[in-house]
Amino acid sequence: MKVKKCNVNYLVVVLLMIIVPLVLGCSSSEVNETIRRVEYTQIVEKKSAIDVMNELYIASDGEIESLARILQTTPSVINRIRQGETNPTIDFEEKIKEVLVYYNLNERSFSKLQSALDDEYGWYDSVLNFPSHHPWWFWSINIILILLLAFIALIAIWPILLELLIFLIAWIALLICSPNQMEDKYTNSIDPTIEQIL
């Protein structure tokens, strides 16, 4: 009887030693994420709408149509707000500030922002951005493949060729399937749901 009780106690102690660090580790990362979100939100809230829009424009590296899809507006609206010709509505200003906070939380990576919020972000973009979004996975897989190639040249060449073929197909799909130029209805007028005249 004592042997069973001792085994049960031992099992409980071992399980607690495994579970407690996992729970504490998860909760501390969530706390850190919340603290970072609050800090970025406070910083962004102090900025003007023009500064926020210019920062998003710079982050997009001139991909204004993608930025327009993310913000659900048109390129001309973005340009007018950036240049101070119009002011965003209160709702739209909140939206662009939320997008900038999200951008800051995701390592200031516009491609990660696109993957989350751009409707036209395709599977080929996911494949082409995989090395920058998941560098540990990408390099780990490639190092393993290279080591396999060094030891078993004939067998390992096929996964490398398959990987190259996948990237080639994704690149060709990007060229063929990239979104058409956006129709901009508001080049000569303002969008009253997004912007206001000064």
C-alpha atoms as a PDB file:
ATOM      1  CA  MET A   1       0.000   0.000   0.000  1.00  0.00           C
ATOM      2  CA  LYS A   2       2.767   2.469   0.873  1.00  0.00           C
ATOM      3  CA  VAL A   3       4.543   1.787  -2.395  1.00  0.00           C
ATOM      4  CA  LYS A   4       1.502   2.857  -4.425  1.00  0.00           C
ATOM      5  CA  LYS A   5       0.994   5.994  -2.337  1.00  0.00           C
ATOM      6  CA  CYS A   6       4.634   6.936  -2.728  1.00  0.00           C
ATOM      7  CA  ASN A   7       4.427   6.427  -6.519  1.00  0.00           C
ATOM      8  CA  VAL A   8       1.310   8.602  -6.711  1.00  0.00           C
ATOM      9  CA  ASN A   9       2.981  11.381  -4.707  1.00  0.00           C
ATOM     10  CA  TYR A  10       6.078  11.131  -6.870  1.00  0.00           C
ATOM     11  CA  LEU A  11       3.930  11.321 -10.015  1.00  0.00           C
ATOM     12  CA  VAL A  12       2.076  14.390  -8.714  1.00  0.00           C
ATOM     13  CA  VAL A  13       5.359  16.154  -7.867  1.00  0.00           C
ATOM     14  CA  VAL A  14       6.819  15.395 -11.308  1.00  0.00           C
ATOM     15  CA  LEU A  15       3.669  16.614 -13.067  1.00  0.00           C
ATOM     16  CA  LEU A  16       3.669  19.812 -11.026  1.00  0.00           C
ATOM     17  CA  MET A  17       7.332  20.380 -11.873  1.00  0.00           C
ATOM     18  CA  ILE A  18       6.445  20.138 -15.560  1.00  0.00           C
ATOM     19  CA  ILE A  19       3.120  22.018 -15.594  1.00  0.00           C
ATOM     20  CA  VAL A  20       3.940  24.992 -13.322  1.00  0.00           C
ATOM     21  CA  PRO A  21       6.852  26.327 -15.436  1.00  0.00           C
ATOM     22  CA  LEU A  22       4.758  25.943 -18.595  1.00  0.00           C
ATOM     23  CA  VAL A  23       1.842  27.888 -17.108  1.00  0.00           C
ATOM     24  CA  LEU A  24       4.115  30.591 -15.700  1.00  0.00           C
ATOM     25  CA  GLY A  25       5.989  30.873 -19.008  1.00  0.00           C
ATOM     26  CA  CYS A  26       2.787  31.301 -20.989  1.00  0.00           C
ATOM     27  CA  SER A  27       1.354  33.888 -18.627  1.00  0.00           C
ATOM     28  CA  SER A  28       4.568  35.947 -18.556  1.00  0.00           C
ATOM     29  CA  SER A  29       4.699  36.116 -22.363  1.00  0.00           C
ATOM     30  CA  GLU A  30       1.059  37.239 -22.419  1.00  0.00           C
ATOM     31  CA  VAL A  31       1.852  39.910 -19.826  1.00  0.00           C
ATOM     32  CA  ASN A  32       4.843  41.084 -21.880  1.00  0.00           C
ATOM     33  CA  GLU A  33       2.663  41.234 -25.009  1.00  0.00           C
ATOM     34  CA  THR A  34       0.043  43.286 -23.145  1.00  0.00           C
ATOM     35  CA  ILE A  35       2.687  45.676 -21.806  1.00  0.00           C
ATOM     36  CA  ARG A  36       4.150  46.137 -25.290  1.00  0.00           C
ATOM     37  CA  ARG A  37       0.675  46.762 -26.738  1.00  0.00           C
ATOM     38  CA  VAL A  38      -0.062  49.426 -24.089  1.00  0.00           C
ATOM     39  CA  GLU A  39       3.299  51.136 -24.695  1.00  0.00           C
ATOM     40  CA  TYR A  40       2.865  51.202 -28.484  1.00  0.00           C
ATOM     41  CA  THR A  41      -0.721  52.410 -28.143  1.00  0.00           C
ATOM     42  CA  GLN A  42       0.377  55.294 -25.915  1.00  0.00           C
ATOM     43  CA  ILE A  43       3.098  56.283 -28.393  1.00  0.00           C
ATOM     44  CA  VAL A  44       0.776  56.105 -31.403  1.00  0.00           C
ATOM     45  CA  GLU A  45      -2.040  58.015 -29.677  1.00  0.00           C
ATOM     46  CA  LYS A  46       0.283  61.027 -29.277  1.00  0.00           C
ATOM     47  CA  LYS A  47       0.907  61.203 -33.046  1.00  0.00           C
ATOM     48  CA  SER A  48      -1.192  63.190 -35.497  1.00  0.00           C
ATOM     49  CA  ALA A  49      -3.146  61.431 -38.231  1.00  0.00           C
ATOM     50  CA  ILE A  50      -0.742  62.812 -40.845  1.00  0.00           C
ATOM     51  CA  ASP A  51       2.261  61.372 -38.982  1.00  0.00           C
ATOM     52  CA  VAL A  52       0.547  57.996 -38.567  1.00  0.00           C
ATOM     53  CA  MET A  53      -0.419  57.867 -42.251  1.00  0.00           C
ATOM     54  CA  ASN A  54       3.097  58.887 -43.335  1.00  0.00           C
ATOM     55  CA  GLU A  55       4.621  56.222 -41.098  1.00  0.00           C
ATOM     56  CA  LEU A  56       2.342  53.566 -42.619  1.00  0.00           C
ATOM     57  CA  TYR A  57       3.169  54.832 -46.109  1.00  0.00           C
ATOM     58  CA  ILE A  58       6.903  54.599 -45.399  1.00  0.00           C
ATOM     59  CA  ALA A  59       6.373  51.134 -43.894  1.00  0.00           C
ATOM     60  CA  SER A  60       4.599  50.016 -47.065  1.00  0.00           C
ATOM     61  CA  ASP A  61       7.650  51.081 -49.090  1.00  0.00           C
ATOM     62  CA  GLY A  62       5.363  52.770 -51.601  1.00  0.00           C
ATOM     63  CA  GLU A  63       2.982  49.833 -52.006  1.00  0.00           C
ATOM     64  CA  ILE A  64       0.088  52.246 -51.658  1.00  0.00           C
ATOM     65  CA  GLU A  65      -2.504  49.902 -53.154  1.00  0.00           C
ATOM     66  CA  SER A  66      -1.730  47.236 -50.588  1.00  0.00           C
ATOM     67  CA  LEU A  67      -1.908  49.872 -47.849  1.00  0.00           C
ATOM     68  CA  ALA A  68      -5.238  51.043 -49.294  1.00  0.00           C
ATOM     69  CA  ARG A  69      -6.609  47.475 -49.177  1.00  0.00           C
ATOM     70  CA  ILE A  70      -5.415  47.095 -45.578  1.00  0.00           C
ATOM     71  CA  LEU A  71      -7.095  50.371 -44.574  1.00  0.00           C
ATOM     72  CA  GLN A  72     -10.104  49.659 -46.830  1.00  0.00           C
ATOM     73  CA  THR A  73      -9.869  52.936 -48.689  1.00  0.00           C
ATOM     74  CA  THR A  74      -8.319  54.249 -51.917  1.00  0.00           C
ATOM     75  CA  PRO A  75      -4.809  55.505 -52.723  1.00  0.00           C
ATOM     76  CA  SER A  76      -6.021  59.054 -53.378  1.00  0.00           C
ATOM     77  CA  VAL A  77      -7.580  59.251 -49.898  1.00  0.00           C
ATOM     78  CA  ILE A  78      -4.288  58.110 -48.371  1.00  0.00           C
ATOM     79  CA  ASN A  79      -2.350  60.710 -50.364  1.00  0.00           C
ATOM     80  CA  ARG A  80      -4.731  63.554 -49.432  1.00  0.00           C
ATOM     81  CA  ILE A  81      -4.514  62.687 -45.728  1.00  0.00           C
ATOM     82  CA  ARG A  82      -0.707  62.316 -45.927  1.00  0.00           C
ATOM     83  CA  GLN A  83      -0.380  65.720 -47.568  1.00  0.00           C
ATOM     84  CA  GLY A  84      -2.740  67.381 -45.084  1.00  0.00           C
ATOM     85  CA  GLU A  85      -5.379  68.278 -47.673  1.00  0.00           C
ATOM     86  CA  THR A  86      -8.078  66.452 -45.692  1.00  0.00           C
ATOM     87  CA  ASN A  87      -8.495  65.104 -42.185  1.00  0.00           C
ATOM     88  CA  PRO A  88      -9.615  61.547 -41.458  1.00  0.00           C
ATOM     89  CA  THR A  89     -12.886  60.959 -39.675  1.00  0.00           C
ATOM     90  CA  ILE A  90     -12.615  59.957 -36.034  1.00  0.00           C
ATOM     91  CA  ASP A  91     -13.368  56.302 -36.866  1.00  0.00           C
ATOM     92  CA  PHE A  92     -10.815  56.203 -39.676  1.00  0.00           C
ATOM     93  CA  GLU A  93      -8.168  57.868 -37.502  1.00  0.00           C
ATOM     94  CA  GLU A  94      -8.718  55.186 -34.856  1.00  0.00           C
ATOM     95  CA  LYS A  95      -8.400  52.536 -37.551  1.00  0.00           C
ATOM     96  CA  ILE A  96      -5.083  53.809 -38.920  1.00  0.00           C
ATOM     97  CA  LYS A  97      -3.698  54.068 -35.393  1.00  0.00           C
ATOM     98  CA  GLU A  98      -4.764  50.472 -34.645  1.00  0.00           C
ATOM     99  CA  VAL A  99      -3.043  49.334 -37.844  1.00  0.00           C
ATOM    100  CA  LEU A 100       0.158  51.167 -36.852  1.00  0.00           C
ATOM    101  CA  VAL A 101       0.072  49.542 -33.387  1.00  0.00           C
ATOM    102  CA  TYR A 102      -0.370  46.119 -35.039  1.00  0.00           C
ATOM    103  CA  TYR A 103       2.542  46.907 -37.386  1.00  0.00           C
ATOM    104  CA  ASN A 104       4.776  47.850 -34.436  1.00  0.00           C
ATOM    105  CA  LEU A 105       3.827  44.715 -32.482  1.00  0.00           C
ATOM    106  CA  ASN A 106       4.751  42.501 -35.438  1.00  0.00           C
ATOM    107  CA  GLU A 107       8.409  43.501 -35.604  1.00  0.00           C
ATOM    108  CA  ARG A 108       7.648  46.481 -37.872  1.00  0.00           C
ATOM    109  CA  SER A 109       7.212  44.066 -40.779  1.00  0.00           C
ATOM    110  CA  PHE A 110       4.883  45.277 -43.522  1.00  0.00           C
ATOM    111  CA  SER A 111       4.739  41.799 -45.051  1.00  0.00           C
ATOM    112  CA  LYS A 112       3.371  40.456 -41.734  1.00  0.00           C
ATOM    113  CA  LEU A 113       0.835  43.278 -41.730  1.00  0.00           C
ATOM    114  CA  GLN A 114      -0.116  42.341 -45.288  1.00  0.00           C
ATOM    115  CA  SER A 115      -0.445  38.660 -44.421  1.00  0.00           C
ATOM    116  CA  ALA A 116      -2.882  39.513 -41.635  1.00  0.00           C
ATOM    117  CA  LEU A 117      -4.925  42.350 -43.149  1.00  0.00           C
ATOM    118  CA  ASP A 118      -4.571  42.437 -46.958  1.00  0.00           C
ATOM    119  CA  ASP A 119      -7.347  40.516 -48.727  1.00  0.00           C
ATOM    120  CA  GLU A 120      -5.200  40.099 -51.836  1.00  0.00           C
ATOM    121  CA  TYR A 121      -2.300  38.480 -49.973  1.00  0.00           C
ATOM    122  CA  GLY A 122      -1.996  35.130 -51.745  1.00  0.00           C
ATOM    123  CA  TRP A 123      -0.482  31.773 -50.993  1.00  0.00           C
ATOM    124  CA  TYR A 124       2.438  32.669 -53.262  1.00  0.00           C
ATOM    125  CA  ASP A 125       3.172  35.691 -51.038  1.00  0.00           C
ATOM    126  CA  SER A 126       3.159  33.363 -48.026  1.00  0.00           C
ATOM    127  CA  VAL A 127       5.683  31.073 -49.716  1.00  0.00           C
ATOM    128  CA  LEU A 128       7.936  33.934 -50.840  1.00  0.00           C
ATOM    129  CA  ASN A 129       7.813  35.611 -47.396  1.00  0.00           C
ATOM    130  CA  PHE A 130       8.320  32.344 -45.486  1.00  0.00           C
ATOM    131  CA  PRO A 131      12.110  32.855 -45.086  1.00  0.00           C
ATOM    132  CA  SER A 132      11.639  36.291 -43.495  1.00  0.00           C
ATOM    133  CA  HIS A 133       8.543  35.398 -41.443  1.00  0.00           C
ATOM    134  CA  HIS A 134       9.941  32.106 -40.128  1.00  0.00           C
ATOM    135  CA  PRO A 135      13.730  32.293 -40.418  1.00  0.00           C
ATOM    136  CA  TRP A 136      14.393  29.538 -37.858  1.00  0.00           C
ATOM    137  CA  TRP A 137      12.216  27.052 -39.709  1.00  0.00           C
ATOM    138  CA  PHE A 138      13.581  28.056 -43.101  1.00  0.00           C
ATOM    139  CA  TRP A 139      17.255  27.838 -42.150  1.00  0.00           C
ATOM    140  CA  SER A 140      16.804  24.706 -40.029  1.00  0.00           C
ATOM    141  CA  ILE A 141      15.153  22.878 -42.907  1.00  0.00           C
ATOM    142  CA  ASN A 142      17.776  24.055 -45.402  1.00  0.00           C
ATOM    143  CA  ILE A 143      20.708  23.165 -43.142  1.00  0.00           C
ATOM    144  CA  ILE A 144      19.263  19.687 -42.622  1.00  0.00           C
ATOM    145  CA  LEU A 145      18.791  19.327 -46.382  1.00  0.00           C
ATOM    146  CA  ILE A 146      22.352  20.474 -47.056  1.00  0.00           C
ATOM    147  CA  LEU A 147      23.700  18.023 -44.487  1.00  0.00           C
ATOM    148  CA  LEU A 148      21.648  15.267 -46.066  1.00  0.00           C
ATOM    149  CA  LEU A 149      23.001  16.318 -49.438  1.00  0.00           C
ATOM    150  CA  ALA A 150      26.543  16.034 -48.115  1.00  0.00           C
ATOM    151  CA  PHE A 151      25.922  12.486 -46.892  1.00  0.00           C
ATOM    152  CA  ILE A 152      23.398  11.127 -49.338  1.00  0.00           C
ATOM    153  CA  ALA A 153      23.757  13.188 -52.507  1.00  0.00           C
ATOM    154  CA  LEU A 154      21.354  11.288 -54.727  1.00  0.00           C
ATOM    155  CA  ILE A 155      18.519  11.057 -52.204  1.00  0.00           C
ATOM    156  CA  ALA A 156      18.731  14.579 -50.803  1.00  0.00           C
ATOM    157  CA  ILE A 157      18.867  16.354 -54.153  1.00  0.00           C
ATOM    158  CA  TRP A 158      15.163  15.707 -54.727  1.00  0.00           C
ATOM    159  CA  PRO A 159      13.890  17.672 -51.680  1.00  0.00           C
ATOM    160  CA  ILE A 160      16.120  20.615 -52.634  1.00  0.00           C
ATOM    161  CA  LEU A 161      14.889  20.501 -56.204  1.00  0.00           C
ATOM    162  CA  LEU A 162      11.317  20.245 -54.873  1.00  0.00           C
ATOM    163  CA  GLU A 163      11.867  23.308 -52.677  1.00  0.00           C
ATOM    164  CA  LEU A 164      13.279  25.242 -55.643  1.00  0.00           C
ATOM    165  CA  LEU A 165      10.320  24.148 -57.756  1.00  0.00           C
ATOM    166  CA  ILE A 166       7.852  25.336 -55.077  1.00  0.00           C
ATOM    167  CA  PHE A 167       9.535  28.767 -54.939  1.00  0.00           C
ATOM    168  CA  LEU A 168       9.598  28.941 -58.758  1.00  0.00           C
ATOM    169  CA  ILE A 169       5.888  28.097 -58.949  1.00  0.00           C
ATOM    170  CA  ALA A 170       5.104  30.673 -56.235  1.00  0.00           C
ATOM    171  CA  TRP A 171       7.120  33.328 -58.059  1.00  0.00           C
ATOM    172  CA  ILE A 172       5.360  32.580 -61.374  1.00  0.00           C
ATOM    173  CA  ALA A 173       1.980  32.646 -59.586  1.00  0.00           C
ATOM    174  CA  LEU A 174       2.914  36.022 -58.096  1.00  0.00           C
ATOM    175  CA  LEU A 175       3.573  37.372 -61.588  1.00  0.00           C
ATOM    176  CA  ILE A 176       0.334  35.937 -62.980  1.00  0.00           C
ATOM    177  CA  CYS A 177      -2.063  36.318 -60.034  1.00  0.00           C
ATOM    178  CA  SER A 178      -0.977  39.622 -58.523  1.00  0.00           C
ATOM    179  CA  PRO A 179      -3.968  41.908 -57.977  1.00  0.00           C
ATOM    180  CA  ASN A 180      -5.139  44.288 -60.687  1.00  0.00           C
ATOM    181  CA  GLN A 181      -4.682  47.996 -60.246  1.00  0.00           C
ATOM    182  CA  MET A 182      -7.226  49.357 -57.799  1.00  0.00           C
ATOM    183  CA  GLU A 183     -10.098  51.461 -59.145  1.00  0.00           C
ATOM    184  CA  ASP A 184      -9.941  54.809 -57.391  1.00  0.00           C
ATOM    185  CA  LYS A 185     -13.329  56.563 -57.433  1.00  0.00           C
ATOM    186  CA  TYR A 186     -12.133  59.394 -55.246  1.00  0.00           C
ATOM    187  CA  THR A 187      -9.334  60.981 -57.275  1.00  0.00           C
ATOM    188  CA  ASN A 188     -11.339  64.170 -57.892  1.00  0.00           C
ATOM    189  CA  SER A 189     -13.559  64.134 -54.810  1.00  0.00           C
ATOM    190  CA  ILE A 190     -13.313  63.148 -51.175  1.00  0.00           C
ATOM    191  CA  ASP A 191     -14.717  60.027 -49.575  1.00  0.00           C
ATOM    192  CA  PRO A 192     -17.036  61.459 -46.899  1.00  0.00           C
ATOM    193  CA  THR A 193     -16.920  58.253 -44.835  1.00  0.00           C
ATOM    194  CA  ILE A 194     -13.126  58.422 -44.505  1.00  0.00           C
ATOM    195  CA  GLU A 195     -12.012  62.050 -44.720  1.00  0.00           C
ATOM    196  CA  GLN A 196     -13.134  65.636 -44.073  1.00  0.00           C
ATOM    197  CA  ILE A 197     -12.273  68.923 -45.708  1.00  0.00           C
ATOM    198  CA  LEU A 198     -10.173  71.202 -43.505  1.00  0.00           C
END
